[in-house]
PDB file of N, CA and C in Angstrom:
ATOM      1  N   LEU A   1       1.649 -11.071  25.534  1.00  0.00           N
ATOM      2  CA  LEU A   1       1.624 -10.642  24.130  1.00  0.00           C
ATOM      3  C   LEU A   1       0.243 -10.114  23.806  1.00  0.00           C
ATOM      4  N   ASP A   2       0.181  -8.870  23.424  1.00  0.00           N
ATOM      5  CA  ASP A   2      -1.089  -8.211  23.121  1.00  0.00           C
ATOM      6  C   ASP A   2      -1.194  -8.012  21.615  1.00  0.00           C
ATOM      7  N   ILE A   3      -1.991  -8.841  20.960  1.00  0.00           N
ATOM      8  CA  ILE A   3      -2.149  -8.756  19.507  1.00  0.00           C
ATOM      9  C   ILE A   3      -3.525  -8.174  19.208  1.00  0.00           C
ATOM     10  N   HIS A   4      -3.542  -7.036  18.547  1.00  0.00           N
ATOM     11  CA  HIS A   4      -4.793  -6.377  18.201  1.00  0.00           C
ATOM     12  C   HIS A   4      -5.264  -6.861  16.839  1.00  0.00           C
ATOM     13  N   PRO A   5      -6.563  -7.154  16.700  1.00  0.00           N
ATOM     14  CA  PRO A   5      -7.084  -7.610  15.399  1.00  0.00           C
ATOM     15  C   PRO A   5      -6.817  -6.632  14.268  1.00  0.00           C
ATOM     16  N   GLU A   6      -6.850  -5.318  14.570  1.00  0.00           N
ATOM     17  CA  GLU A   6      -6.607  -4.334  13.504  1.00  0.00           C
ATOM     18  C   GLU A   6      -5.184  -4.462  12.965  1.00  0.00           C
ATOM     19  N   GLY A   7      -4.241  -4.703  13.855  1.00  0.00           N
ATOM     20  CA  GLY A   7      -2.854  -4.868  13.442  1.00  0.00           C
ATOM     21  C   GLY A   7      -2.656  -6.118  12.606  1.00  0.00           C
ATOM     22  N   MET A   8      -3.332  -7.177  12.971  1.00  0.00           N
ATOM     23  CA  MET A   8      -3.204  -8.419  12.217  1.00  0.00           C
ATOM     24  C   MET A   8      -3.826  -8.271  10.830  1.00  0.00           C
ATOM     25  N   MET A   9      -4.938  -7.549  10.748  1.00  0.00           N
ATOM     26  CA  MET A   9      -5.565  -7.325   9.442  1.00  0.00           C
ATOM     27  C   MET A   9      -4.659  -6.443   8.583  1.00  0.00           C
ATOM     28  N   GLY A  10      -3.991  -5.476   9.206  1.00  0.00           N
ATOM     29  CA  GLY A  10      -3.039  -4.647   8.472  1.00  0.00           C
ATOM     30  C   GLY A  10      -1.884  -5.470   7.938  1.00  0.00           C
ATOM     31  N   PHE A  11      -1.425  -6.425   8.743  1.00  0.00           N
ATOM     32  CA  PHE A  11      -0.370  -7.332   8.306  1.00  0.00           C
ATOM     33  C   PHE A  11      -0.834  -8.144   7.109  1.00  0.00           C
ATOM     34  N   ALA A  12      -2.052  -8.667   7.176  1.00  0.00           N
ATOM     35  CA  ALA A  12      -2.590  -9.461   6.070  1.00  0.00           C
ATOM     36  C   ALA A  12      -2.728  -8.601   4.812  1.00  0.00           C
ATOM     37  N   LYS A  13      -3.165  -7.356   4.984  1.00  0.00           N
ATOM     38  CA  LYS A  13      -3.296  -6.463   3.817  1.00  0.00           C
ATOM     39  C   LYS A  13      -1.932  -6.170   3.197  1.00  0.00           C
ATOM     40  N   PHE A  14      -0.903  -5.978   4.047  1.00  0.00           N
ATOM     41  CA  PHE A  14       0.442  -5.772   3.507  1.00  0.00           C
ATOM     42  C   PHE A  14       0.901  -6.991   2.727  1.00  0.00           C
ATOM     43  N   MET A  15       0.644  -8.179   3.247  1.00  0.00           N
ATOM     44  CA  MET A  15       1.081  -9.399   2.575  1.00  0.00           C
ATOM     45  C   MET A  15       0.391  -9.593   1.227  1.00  0.00           C
ATOM     46  N   ALA A  16      -0.754  -8.943   1.024  1.00  0.00           N
ATOM     47  CA  ALA A  16      -1.463  -9.038  -0.257  1.00  0.00           C
ATOM     48  C   ALA A  16      -0.929  -8.047  -1.283  1.00  0.00           C
ATOM     49  N   THR A  17      -0.089  -7.091  -0.841  1.00  0.00           N
ATOM     50  CA  THR A  17       0.476  -6.119  -1.788  1.00  0.00           C
ATOM     51  C   THR A  17       1.608  -6.770  -2.582  1.00  0.00           C
ATOM     52  N   GLY A  18       2.052  -6.091  -3.596  1.00  0.00           N
ATOM     53  CA  GLY A  18       3.174  -6.582  -4.391  1.00  0.00           C
ATOM     54  C   GLY A  18       4.428  -6.765  -3.553  1.00  0.00           C
ATOM     55  N   ALA A  19       4.675  -5.822  -2.638  1.00  0.00           N
ATOM     56  CA  ALA A  19       5.857  -5.914  -1.774  1.00  0.00           C
ATOM     57  C   ALA A  19       5.748  -7.115  -0.826  1.00  0.00           C
ATOM     58  N   GLY A  20       4.561  -7.344  -0.290  1.00  0.00           N
ATOM     59  CA  GLY A  20       4.367  -8.479   0.608  1.00  0.00           C
ATOM     60  C   GLY A  20       4.526  -9.802  -0.116  1.00  0.00           C
ATOM     61  N   ARG A  21       3.987  -9.862  -1.321  1.00  0.00           N
ATOM     62  CA  ARG A  21       4.132 -11.082  -2.120  1.00  0.00           C
ATOM     63  C   ARG A  21       5.594 -11.332  -2.468  1.00  0.00           C
ATOM     64  N   ALA A  22       6.302 -10.273  -2.870  1.00  0.00           N
ATOM     65  CA  ALA A  22       7.724 -10.408  -3.195  1.00  0.00           C
ATOM     66  C   ALA A  22       8.514 -10.845  -1.968  1.00  0.00           C
ATOM     67  N   PHE A  23       8.188 -10.279  -0.802  1.00  0.00           N
ATOM     68  CA  PHE A  23       8.853 -10.658   0.437  1.00  0.00           C
ATOM     69  C   PHE A  23       8.686 -12.149   0.709  1.00  0.00           C
ATOM     70  N   ARG A  24       7.460 -12.664   0.559  1.00  0.00           N
ATOM     71  CA  ARG A  24       7.218 -14.090   0.805  1.00  0.00           C
ATOM     72  C   ARG A  24       7.971 -14.969  -0.184  1.00  0.00           C
ATOM     73  N   MET A  25       8.024 -14.531  -1.432  1.00  0.00           N
ATOM     74  CA  MET A  25       8.718 -15.322  -2.444  1.00  0.00           C
ATOM     75  C   MET A  25      10.223 -15.334  -2.178  1.00  0.00           C
ATOM     76  N   VAL A  26      10.792 -14.179  -1.846  1.00  0.00           N
ATOM     77  CA  VAL A  26      12.225 -14.112  -1.553  1.00  0.00           C
ATOM     78  C   VAL A  26      12.540 -14.910  -0.288  1.00  0.00           C
ATOM     79  N   ALA A  27      11.711 -14.764   0.735  1.00  0.00           N
ATOM     80  CA  ALA A  27      11.928 -15.515   1.974  1.00  0.00           C
ATOM     81  C   ALA A  27      11.852 -17.016   1.705  1.00  0.00           C
ATOM     82  N   GLY A  28      10.919 -17.430   0.867  1.00  0.00           N
ATOM     83  CA  GLY A  28      10.809 -18.841   0.507  1.00  0.00           C
ATOM     84  C   GLY A  28      12.060 -19.341  -0.196  1.00  0.00           C
ATOM     85  N   LEU A  29      12.555 -18.559  -1.138  1.00  0.00           N
ATOM     86  CA  LEU A  29      13.781 -18.949  -1.845  1.00  0.00           C
ATOM     87  C   LEU A  29      14.967 -19.025  -0.898  1.00  0.00           C
ATOM     88  N   VAL A  30      15.052 -18.079   0.035  1.00  0.00           N
ATOM     89  CA  VAL A  30      16.149 -18.104   1.017  1.00  0.00           C
ATOM     90  C   VAL A  30      16.073 -19.367   1.866  1.00  0.00           C
ATOM     91  N   LEU A  31      14.883 -19.730   2.302  1.00  0.00           N
ATOM     92  CA  LEU A  31      14.732 -20.951   3.101  1.00  0.00           C
ATOM     93  C   LEU A  31      15.108 -22.197   2.301  1.00  0.00           C
ATOM     94  N   ILE A  32      14.719 -22.236   1.047  1.00  0.00           N
ATOM     95  CA  ILE A  32      15.048 -23.380   0.199  1.00  0.00           C
ATOM     96  C   ILE A  32      16.561 -23.490   0.028  1.00  0.00           C
ATOM     97  N   VAL A  33      17.213 -22.373  -0.272  1.00  0.00           N
ATOM     98  CA  VAL A  33      18.665 -22.375  -0.465  1.00  0.00           C
ATOM     99  C   VAL A  33      19.383 -22.753   0.829  1.00  0.00           C
ATOM    100  N   CYS A  34      18.933 -22.203   1.947  1.00  0.00           N
ATOM    101  CA  CYS A  34      19.546 -22.558   3.239  1.00  0.00           C
ATOM    102  C   CYS A  34      19.395 -24.050   3.508  1.00  0.00           C
ATOM    103  N   GLY A  35      18.228 -24.585   3.206  1.00  0.00           N
ATOM    104  CA  GLY A  35      18.014 -26.010   3.398  1.00  0.00           C
ATOM    105  C   GLY A  35      18.916 -26.847   2.513  1.00  0.00           C
ATOM    106  N   MET A  36      19.111 -26.407   1.284  1.00  0.00           N
ATOM    107  CA  MET A  36      19.925 -27.179   0.333  1.00  0.00           C
ATOM    108  C   MET A  36      21.410 -27.139   0.665  1.00  0.00           C
ATOM    109  N   PHE A  37      21.900 -25.977   1.104  1.00  0.00           N
ATOM    110  CA  PHE A  37      23.341 -25.815   1.242  1.00  0.00           C
ATOM    111  C   PHE A  37      23.865 -25.821   2.675  1.00  0.00           C
ATOM    112  N   PHE A  38      23.035 -25.513   3.634  1.00  0.00           N
ATOM    113  CA  PHE A  38      23.541 -25.363   4.999  1.00  0.00           C
ATOM    114  C   PHE A  38      22.964 -26.351   6.006  1.00  0.00           C
ATOM    115  N   ALA A  39      21.894 -27.022   5.668  1.00  0.00           N
ATOM    116  CA  ALA A  39      21.257 -27.942   6.610  1.00  0.00           C
ATOM    117  C   ALA A  39      21.412 -29.375   6.123  1.00  0.00           C
ATOM    118  N   HIS A  40      21.171 -30.302   7.027  1.00  0.00           N
ATOM    119  CA  HIS A  40      21.269 -31.721   6.687  1.00  0.00           C
ATOM    120  C   HIS A  40      20.147 -32.485   7.376  1.00  0.00           C
ATOM    121  N   GLY A  41      19.749 -33.565   6.772  1.00  0.00           N
ATOM    122  CA  GLY A  41      18.750 -34.436   7.381  1.00  0.00           C
ATOM    123  C   GLY A  41      17.366 -33.813   7.414  1.00  0.00           C
ATOM    124  N   LEU A  42      16.696 -33.989   8.541  1.00  0.00           N
ATOM    125  CA  LEU A  42      15.329 -33.527   8.688  1.00  0.00           C
ATOM    126  C   LEU A  42      15.223 -32.002   8.561  1.00  0.00           C
ATOM    127  N   THR A  43      16.195 -31.274   9.051  1.00  0.00           N
ATOM    128  CA  THR A  43      16.187 -29.813   8.961  1.00  0.00           C
ATOM    129  C   THR A  43      16.163 -29.371   7.498  1.00  0.00           C
ATOM    130  N   GLU A  44      16.900 -30.046   6.664  1.00  0.00           N
ATOM    131  CA  GLU A  44      16.935 -29.738   5.235  1.00  0.00           C
ATOM    132  C   GLU A  44      15.543 -29.897   4.621  1.00  0.00           C
ATOM    133  N   VAL A  45      14.877 -30.981   4.972  1.00  0.00           N
ATOM    134  CA  VAL A  45      13.543 -31.257   4.437  1.00  0.00           C
ATOM    135  C   VAL A  45      12.535 -30.220   4.933  1.00  0.00           C
ATOM    136  N   VAL A  46      12.573 -29.926   6.226  1.00  0.00           N
ATOM    137  CA  VAL A  46      11.627 -28.960   6.801  1.00  0.00           C
ATOM    138  C   VAL A  46      11.832 -27.582   6.182  1.00  0.00           C
ATOM    139  N   LEU A  47      13.065 -27.123   6.071  1.00  0.00           N
ATOM    140  CA  LEU A  47      13.325 -25.825   5.449  1.00  0.00           C
ATOM    141  C   LEU A  47      12.843 -25.801   3.999  1.00  0.00           C
ATOM    142  N   GLY A  48      13.048 -26.890   3.299  1.00  0.00           N
ATOM    143  CA  GLY A  48      12.589 -26.970   1.916  1.00  0.00           C
ATOM    144  C   GLY A  48      11.081 -26.883   1.801  1.00  0.00           C
ATOM    145  N   ILE A  49      10.373 -27.597   2.652  1.00  0.00           N
ATOM    146  CA  ILE A  49       8.907 -27.596   2.614  1.00  0.00           C
ATOM    147  C   ILE A  49       8.356 -26.224   2.992  1.00  0.00           C
ATOM    148  N   VAL A  50       8.885 -25.637   4.052  1.00  0.00           N
ATOM    149  CA  VAL A  50       8.427 -24.313   4.472  1.00  0.00           C
ATOM    150  C   VAL A  50       8.762 -23.278   3.398  1.00  0.00           C
ATOM    151  N   GLY A  51       9.933 -23.402   2.789  1.00  0.00           N
ATOM    152  CA  GLY A  51      10.325 -22.485   1.728  1.00  0.00           C
ATOM    153  C   GLY A  51       9.425 -22.578   0.515  1.00  0.00           C
ATOM    154  N   VAL A  52       9.103 -23.783   0.105  1.00  0.00           N
ATOM    155  CA  VAL A  52       8.202 -23.969  -1.044  1.00  0.00           C
ATOM    156  C   VAL A  52       6.811 -23.420  -0.712  1.00  0.00           C
ATOM    157  N   ALA A  53       6.343 -23.653   0.512  1.00  0.00           N
ATOM    158  CA  ALA A  53       5.024 -23.140   0.912  1.00  0.00           C
ATOM    159  C   ALA A  53       5.011 -21.609   0.887  1.00  0.00           C
ATOM    160  N   ALA A  54       6.062 -20.976   1.413  1.00  0.00           N
ATOM    161  CA  ALA A  54       6.132 -19.511   1.418  1.00  0.00           C
ATOM    162  C   ALA A  54       6.214 -18.961  -0.005  1.00  0.00           C
ATOM    163  N   PHE A  55       7.034 -19.581  -0.841  1.00  0.00           N
ATOM    164  CA  PHE A  55       7.167 -19.136  -2.231  1.00  0.00           C
ATOM    165  C   PHE A  55       5.835 -19.273  -2.966  1.00  0.00           C
ATOM    166  N   ALA A  56       5.183 -20.407  -2.817  1.00  0.00           N
ATOM    167  CA  ALA A  56       3.908 -20.641  -3.497  1.00  0.00           C
ATOM    168  C   ALA A  56       2.825 -19.690  -2.991  1.00  0.00           C
ATOM    169  N   ALA A  57       2.823 -19.406  -1.694  1.00  0.00           N
ATOM    170  CA  ALA A  57       1.836 -18.473  -1.139  1.00  0.00           C
ATOM    171  C   ALA A  57       2.006 -17.091  -1.753  1.00  0.00           C
ATOM    172  N   GLY A  58       3.240 -16.646  -1.920  1.00  0.00           N
ATOM    173  CA  GLY A  58       3.488 -15.365  -2.567  1.00  0.00           C
ATOM    174  C   GLY A  58       3.127 -15.394  -4.037  1.00  0.00           C
ATOM    175  N   LEU A  59       3.474 -16.459  -4.700  1.00  0.00           N
ATOM    176  CA  LEU A  59       3.213 -16.592  -6.131  1.00  0.00           C
ATOM    177  C   LEU A  59       1.718 -16.586  -6.439  1.00  0.00           C
ATOM    178  N   PHE A  60       0.944 -17.307  -5.637  1.00  0.00           N
ATOM    179  CA  PHE A  60      -0.488 -17.437  -5.881  1.00  0.00           C
ATOM    180  C   PHE A  60      -1.330 -16.450  -5.066  1.00  0.00           C
ATOM    181  N   ASN A  61      -0.668 -15.534  -4.337  1.00  0.00           N
ATOM    182  CA  ASN A  61      -1.324 -14.486  -3.555  1.00  0.00           C
ATOM    183  C   ASN A  61      -2.340 -15.053  -2.567  1.00  0.00           C
ATOM    184  N   VAL A  62      -1.889 -15.993  -1.769  1.00  0.00           N
ATOM    185  CA  VAL A  62      -2.697 -16.505  -0.672  1.00  0.00           C
ATOM    186  C   VAL A  62      -1.904 -16.331   0.616  1.00  0.00           C
ATOM    187  N   CYS A  63      -2.610 -16.259   1.721  1.00  0.00           N
ATOM    188  CA  CYS A  63      -1.957 -16.133   3.018  1.00  0.00           C
ATOM    189  C   CYS A  63      -2.360 -17.333   3.858  1.00  0.00           C
ATOM    190  N   LEU A  64      -1.396 -18.177   4.154  1.00  0.00           N
ATOM    191  CA  LEU A  64      -1.691 -19.422   4.847  1.00  0.00           C
ATOM    192  C   LEU A  64      -2.137 -19.223   6.291  1.00  0.00           C
ATOM    193  N   ILE A  65      -1.739 -18.118   6.909  1.00  0.00           N
ATOM    194  CA  ILE A  65      -2.153 -17.881   8.292  1.00  0.00           C
ATOM    195  C   ILE A  65      -3.389 -16.995   8.392  1.00  0.00           C
ATOM    196  N   ALA A  66      -3.862 -16.475   7.279  1.00  0.00           N
ATOM    197  CA  ALA A  66      -4.998 -15.546   7.295  1.00  0.00           C
ATOM    198  C   ALA A  66      -6.231 -16.105   7.991  1.00  0.00           C
ATOM    199  N   PRO A  67      -6.639 -17.339   7.746  1.00  0.00           N
ATOM    200  CA  PRO A  67      -7.834 -17.847   8.434  1.00  0.00           C
ATOM    201  C   PRO A  67      -7.695 -17.848   9.956  1.00  0.00           C
ATOM    202  N   PHE A  68      -6.477 -17.949  10.452  1.00  0.00           N
ATOM    203  CA  PHE A  68      -6.259 -17.964  11.898  1.00  0.00           C
ATOM    204  C   PHE A  68      -6.358 -16.577  12.521  1.00  0.00           C
ATOM    205  N   ILE A  69      -6.209 -15.538  11.689  1.00  0.00           N
ATOM    206  CA  ILE A  69      -6.286 -14.169  12.205  1.00  0.00           C
ATOM    207  C   ILE A  69      -7.555 -13.468  11.741  1.00  0.00           C
ATOM    208  N   GLY A  70      -8.467 -14.225  11.142  1.00  0.00           N
ATOM    209  CA  GLY A  70      -9.744 -13.666  10.721  1.00  0.00           C
ATOM    210  C   GLY A  70      -9.704 -12.898   9.420  1.00  0.00           C
ATOM    211  N   ALA A  71      -8.699 -13.136   8.605  1.00  0.00           N
ATOM    212  CA  ALA A  71      -8.573 -12.460   7.315  1.00  0.00           C
ATOM    213  C   ALA A  71      -8.911 -13.442   6.197  1.00  0.00           C
ATOM    214  N   PRO A  72      -9.261 -12.940   5.021  1.00  0.00           N
ATOM    215  CA  PRO A  72      -9.537 -13.824   3.884  1.00  0.00           C
ATOM    216  C   PRO A  72      -8.272 -14.581   3.451  1.00  0.00           C
ATOM    217  N   PHE A  73      -8.455 -15.791   2.970  1.00  0.00           N
ATOM    218  CA  PHE A  73      -7.347 -16.631   2.514  1.00  0.00           C
ATOM    219  C   PHE A  73      -6.713 -16.067   1.247  1.00  0.00           C
ATOM    220  N   ARG A  74      -7.528 -15.603   0.319  1.00  0.00           N
ATOM    221  CA  ARG A  74      -7.033 -15.057  -0.946  1.00  0.00           C
ATOM    222  C   ARG A  74      -6.685 -13.585  -0.780  1.00  0.00           C
ATOM    223  N   GLY A  75      -5.513 -13.208  -1.245  1.00  0.00           N
ATOM    224  CA  GLY A  75      -5.091 -11.817  -1.159  1.00  0.00           C
ATOM    225  C   GLY A  75      -5.997 -10.869  -1.928  1.00  0.00           C
ATOM    226  N   ALA A  76      -6.548 -11.331  -3.039  1.00  0.00           N
ATOM    227  CA  ALA A  76      -7.427 -10.492  -3.851  1.00  0.00           C
ATOM    228  C   ALA A  76      -8.671 -10.090  -3.068  1.00  0.00           C
ATOM    229  N   ASP A  77      -9.088 -10.901  -2.111  1.00  0.00           N
ATOM    230  CA  ASP A  77     -10.280 -10.590  -1.314  1.00  0.00           C
ATOM    231  C   ASP A  77     -10.026  -9.484  -0.296  1.00  0.00           C
ATOM    232  N   LEU A  78      -8.762  -9.139  -0.062  1.00  0.00           N
ATOM    233  CA  LEU A  78      -8.420  -8.086   0.896  1.00  0.00           C
ATOM    234  C   LEU A  78      -8.435  -6.699   0.273  1.00  0.00           C
ATOM    235  N   LYS A  79      -8.383  -6.629  -1.041  1.00  0.00           N
ATOM    236  CA  LYS A  79      -8.259  -5.339  -1.710  1.00  0.00           C
ATOM    237  C   LYS A  79      -9.589  -4.673  -1.916  1.00  0.00           C
TER     238      LYS A  79
END
């Protein structure tokens, strides 16, 4: 797997846009709903936690993986 830093920074910049934020929020809601209606036990809890984290990251414009790829944590710092 060849991951270029420029590509990862581009990904982080996209996630800071309105479309990227909306994508994270929708993906979070989908994970929460899947956890509530289609999963049981530990899977339900994990999907719920990951969904809430994704939704909150989009809502507050932060990228939880950004520090691992060398990008700023706050989306506003990318603009």
